[in-house]
C-alpha cells in the first residue's frame, strides 16, 4: 500500500493532467456528439418523392441524368435541389423548374437547378 501511495504522490501532476484530459474529451463528445451510422445511411436514402421526381425529370428532353434532394418540413415540401446533366441549357433548366413547380406545388424561388459535372 505504501508503494501505491508513494507512486501517487510522485506522479500527482501527471495523474491530474490525465484526468483533466479525459474530462475534456468526455465534454467534447457530449457537446458535439459522435456521428452515428444511422445518420449516414439515412442521408443517402431517397424518399419516394425524390425517386418519383428523378424519374420524371430524366424523361424530359435534354435533362439527362438527374439527382434530386427534397427538403420537407412540417407543412410539406420547403425546397428542392436538382443537379442534372442538361442544366447548362437555359431551356432545360426552365423545363426542370416548371416540372418541379407543378409536381410539388411549390414556388420557383424554392427550386435550385445546377449542372452536373
C-alpha atoms as a PDB file:
ATOM      1  CA  UNK A   1       0.000   0.000   0.000  1.00  0.00           C
ATOM      2  CA  UNK A   2       2.847   2.382   0.732  1.00  0.00           C
ATOM      3  CA  UNK A   3       4.285   1.816  -2.738  1.00  0.00           C
ATOM      4  CA  UNK A   4       0.979   2.855  -4.301  1.00  0.00           C
ATOM      5  CA  UNK A   5       0.785   5.924  -2.062  1.00  0.00           C
ATOM      6  CA  UNK A   6       4.355   6.870  -2.945  1.00  0.00           C
ATOM      7  CA  UNK A   7       3.661   6.442  -6.673  1.00  0.00           C
ATOM      8  CA  UNK A   8       0.569   8.596  -6.372  1.00  0.00           C
ATOM      9  CA  UNK A   9       2.499  11.360  -4.586  1.00  0.00           C
ATOM     10  CA  UNK A  10       5.304  11.117  -7.112  1.00  0.00           C
ATOM     11  CA  UNK A  11       3.089  11.310 -10.198  1.00  0.00           C
ATOM     12  CA  UNK A  12       0.367  13.507  -8.764  1.00  0.00           C
ATOM     13  CA  UNK A  13       0.639  16.122 -11.516  1.00  0.00           C
ATOM     14  CA  UNK A  14       0.679  13.546 -14.317  1.00  0.00           C
ATOM     15  CA  UNK A  15      -2.419  11.834 -12.907  1.00  0.00           C
ATOM     16  CA  UNK A  16      -4.185  15.188 -12.555  1.00  0.00           C
ATOM     17  CA  UNK A  17      -3.358  16.150 -16.163  1.00  0.00           C
ATOM     18  CA  UNK A  18      -4.512  12.746 -17.457  1.00  0.00           C
ATOM     19  CA  UNK A  19      -7.772  13.081 -15.532  1.00  0.00           C
ATOM     20  CA  UNK A  20      -8.281  16.574 -16.935  1.00  0.00           C
ATOM     21  CA  UNK A  21      -7.697  15.333 -20.488  1.00  0.00           C
ATOM     22  CA  UNK A  22     -10.230  12.530 -20.020  1.00  0.00           C
ATOM     23  CA  UNK A  23     -12.738  15.052 -18.686  1.00  0.00           C
ATOM     24  CA  UNK A  24     -12.180  17.377 -21.682  1.00  0.00           C
ATOM     25  CA  UNK A  25     -12.653  14.529 -24.146  1.00  0.00           C
ATOM     26  CA  UNK A  26     -15.866  13.485 -22.381  1.00  0.00           C
ATOM     27  CA  UNK A  27     -17.194  17.069 -22.533  1.00  0.00           C
ATOM     28  CA  UNK A  28     -16.321  17.310 -26.244  1.00  0.00           C
ATOM     29  CA  UNK A  29     -18.117  14.051 -27.027  1.00  0.00           C
ATOM     30  CA  UNK A  30     -21.187  15.141 -25.076  1.00  0.00           C
ATOM     31  CA  UNK A  31     -21.219  18.605 -26.677  1.00  0.00           C
ATOM     32  CA  UNK A  32     -20.540  17.666 -30.297  1.00  0.00           C
ATOM     33  CA  UNK A  33     -21.742  14.091 -30.284  1.00  0.00           C
ATOM     34  CA  UNK A  34     -20.378  11.174 -32.196  1.00  0.00           C
ATOM     35  CA  UNK A  35     -21.531  10.722 -35.799  1.00  0.00           C
ATOM     36  CA  UNK A  36     -23.844   7.759 -35.978  1.00  0.00           C
ATOM     37  CA  UNK A  37     -24.030   5.119 -38.678  1.00  0.00           C
ATOM     38  CA  UNK A  38     -27.781   5.704 -38.939  1.00  0.00           C
ATOM     39  CA  UNK A  39     -27.256   9.330 -39.955  1.00  0.00           C
ATOM     40  CA  UNK A  40     -25.006   8.287 -42.817  1.00  0.00           C
ATOM     41  CA  UNK A  41     -27.442   5.646 -44.024  1.00  0.00           C
ATOM     42  CA  UNK A  42     -30.461   7.964 -43.825  1.00  0.00           C
ATOM     43  CA  UNK A  43     -28.735  10.781 -45.673  1.00  0.00           C
ATOM     44  CA  UNK A  44     -28.179   8.555 -48.707  1.00  0.00           C
ATOM     45  CA  UNK A  45     -31.648   7.003 -48.779  1.00  0.00           C
ATOM     46  CA  UNK A  46     -34.065   8.586 -51.248  1.00  0.00           C
ATOM     47  CA  UNK A  47     -37.624   9.403 -50.312  1.00  0.00           C
ATOM     48  CA  UNK A  48     -40.487   8.315 -52.541  1.00  0.00           C
ATOM     49  CA  UNK A  49     -40.904  11.944 -53.660  1.00  0.00           C
ATOM     50  CA  UNK A  50     -37.237  12.189 -54.664  1.00  0.00           C
ATOM     51  CA  UNK A  51     -37.380   8.897 -56.556  1.00  0.00           C
ATOM     52  CA  UNK A  52     -40.506   9.912 -58.488  1.00  0.00           C
ATOM     53  CA  UNK A  53     -39.081  13.343 -59.247  1.00  0.00           C
ATOM     54  CA  UNK A  54     -35.801  11.882 -60.539  1.00  0.00           C
ATOM     55  CA  UNK A  55     -37.730   9.524 -62.804  1.00  0.00           C
ATOM     56  CA  UNK A  56     -39.916  12.328 -64.178  1.00  0.00           C
ATOM     57  CA  UNK A  57     -37.035  14.745 -64.725  1.00  0.00           C
ATOM     58  CA  UNK A  58     -34.875  12.183 -66.512  1.00  0.00           C
ATOM     59  CA  UNK A  59     -37.713  11.743 -69.044  1.00  0.00           C
ATOM     60  CA  UNK A  60     -37.670  15.433 -70.021  1.00  0.00           C
ATOM     61  CA  UNK A  61     -35.761  16.035 -73.247  1.00  0.00           C
ATOM     62  CA  UNK A  62     -32.248  17.302 -72.639  1.00  0.00           C
ATOM     63  CA  UNK A  63     -32.173  16.731 -68.865  1.00  0.00           C
ATOM     64  CA  UNK A  64     -30.131  13.507 -68.932  1.00  0.00           C
ATOM     65  CA  UNK A  65     -29.116  12.022 -65.596  1.00  0.00           C
ATOM     66  CA  UNK A  66     -30.582  13.869 -62.605  1.00  0.00           C
ATOM     67  CA  UNK A  67     -30.010  13.835 -58.849  1.00  0.00           C
ATOM     68  CA  UNK A  68     -32.658  15.324 -56.561  1.00  0.00           C
ATOM     69  CA  UNK A  69     -32.819  16.420 -52.932  1.00  0.00           C
ATOM     70  CA  UNK A  70     -36.167  17.414 -51.457  1.00  0.00           C
ATOM     71  CA  UNK A  71     -36.312  19.266 -48.139  1.00  0.00           C
ATOM     72  CA  UNK A  72     -39.543  18.653 -46.275  1.00  0.00           C
ATOM     73  CA  UNK A  73     -40.873  20.450 -43.221  1.00  0.00           C
ATOM     74  CA  UNK A  74     -43.980  20.233 -41.081  1.00  0.00           C
ATOM     75  CA  UNK A  75     -46.140  21.763 -43.803  1.00  0.00           C
ATOM     76  CA  UNK A  76     -44.785  19.846 -46.778  1.00  0.00           C
ATOM     77  CA  UNK A  77     -42.002  20.477 -49.282  1.00  0.00           C
ATOM     78  CA  UNK A  78     -39.860  23.507 -48.467  1.00  0.00           C
ATOM     79  CA  UNK A  79     -37.239  23.301 -51.184  1.00  0.00           C
ATOM     80  CA  UNK A  80     -35.739  21.209 -53.957  1.00  0.00           C
ATOM     81  CA  UNK A  81     -32.210  20.988 -55.323  1.00  0.00           C
ATOM     82  CA  UNK A  82     -31.677  19.343 -58.698  1.00  0.00           C
ATOM     83  CA  UNK A  83     -28.337  18.533 -60.268  1.00  0.00           C
ATOM     84  CA  UNK A  84     -28.642  17.326 -63.853  1.00  0.00           C
ATOM     85  CA  UNK A  85     -26.534  16.881 -66.958  1.00  0.00           C
ATOM     86  CA  UNK A  86     -28.534  19.271 -69.135  1.00  0.00           C
ATOM     87  CA  UNK A  87     -28.718  22.208 -66.731  1.00  0.00           C
ATOM     88  CA  UNK A  88     -26.242  24.244 -68.769  1.00  0.00           C
ATOM     89  CA  UNK A  89     -29.079  24.876 -71.224  1.00  0.00           C
ATOM     90  CA  UNK A  90     -31.421  27.654 -70.066  1.00  0.00           C
ATOM     91  CA  UNK A  91     -34.310  25.924 -71.844  1.00  0.00           C
ATOM     92  CA  UNK A  92     -33.697  22.650 -69.971  1.00  0.00           C
ATOM     93  CA  UNK A  93     -33.230  24.498 -66.701  1.00  0.00           C
ATOM     94  CA  UNK A  94     -36.545  26.279 -67.217  1.00  0.00           C
ATOM     95  CA  UNK A  95     -38.301  22.991 -68.081  1.00  0.00           C
ATOM     96  CA  UNK A  96     -36.923  21.374 -64.921  1.00  0.00           C
ATOM     97  CA  UNK A  97     -38.033  24.271 -62.715  1.00  0.00           C
ATOM     98  CA  UNK A  98     -41.530  24.260 -64.233  1.00  0.00           C
ATOM     99  CA  UNK A  99     -41.875  20.480 -63.866  1.00  0.00           C
ATOM    100  CA  UNK A 100     -40.843  20.577 -60.195  1.00  0.00           C
ATOM    101  CA  UNK A 101     -43.083  23.576 -59.521  1.00  0.00           C
ATOM    102  CA  UNK A 102     -46.142  21.799 -60.887  1.00  0.00           C
ATOM    103  CA  UNK A 103     -45.325  18.338 -59.491  1.00  0.00           C
ATOM    104  CA  UNK A 104     -44.707  19.530 -55.932  1.00  0.00           C
ATOM    105  CA  UNK A 105     -46.892  22.665 -55.892  1.00  0.00           C
ATOM    106  CA  UNK A 106     -44.079  24.930 -54.701  1.00  0.00           C
ATOM    107  CA  UNK A 107     -42.825  28.346 -55.793  1.00  0.00           C
ATOM    108  CA  UNK A 108     -39.979  28.711 -58.294  1.00  0.00           C
ATOM    109  CA  UNK A 109     -37.809  30.508 -55.715  1.00  0.00           C
ATOM    110  CA  UNK A 110     -37.732  27.270 -53.685  1.00  0.00           C
ATOM    111  CA  UNK A 111     -36.153  25.318 -56.567  1.00  0.00           C
ATOM    112  CA  UNK A 112     -32.447  25.344 -57.419  1.00  0.00           C
ATOM    113  CA  UNK A 113     -31.059  23.683 -60.555  1.00  0.00           C
ATOM    114  CA  UNK A 114     -27.339  23.076 -61.135  1.00  0.00           C
ATOM    115  CA  UNK A 115     -25.280  21.477 -63.890  1.00  0.00           C
ATOM    116  CA  UNK A 116     -23.779  18.081 -63.192  1.00  0.00           C
ATOM    117  CA  UNK A 117     -20.033  17.588 -63.608  1.00  0.00           C
END
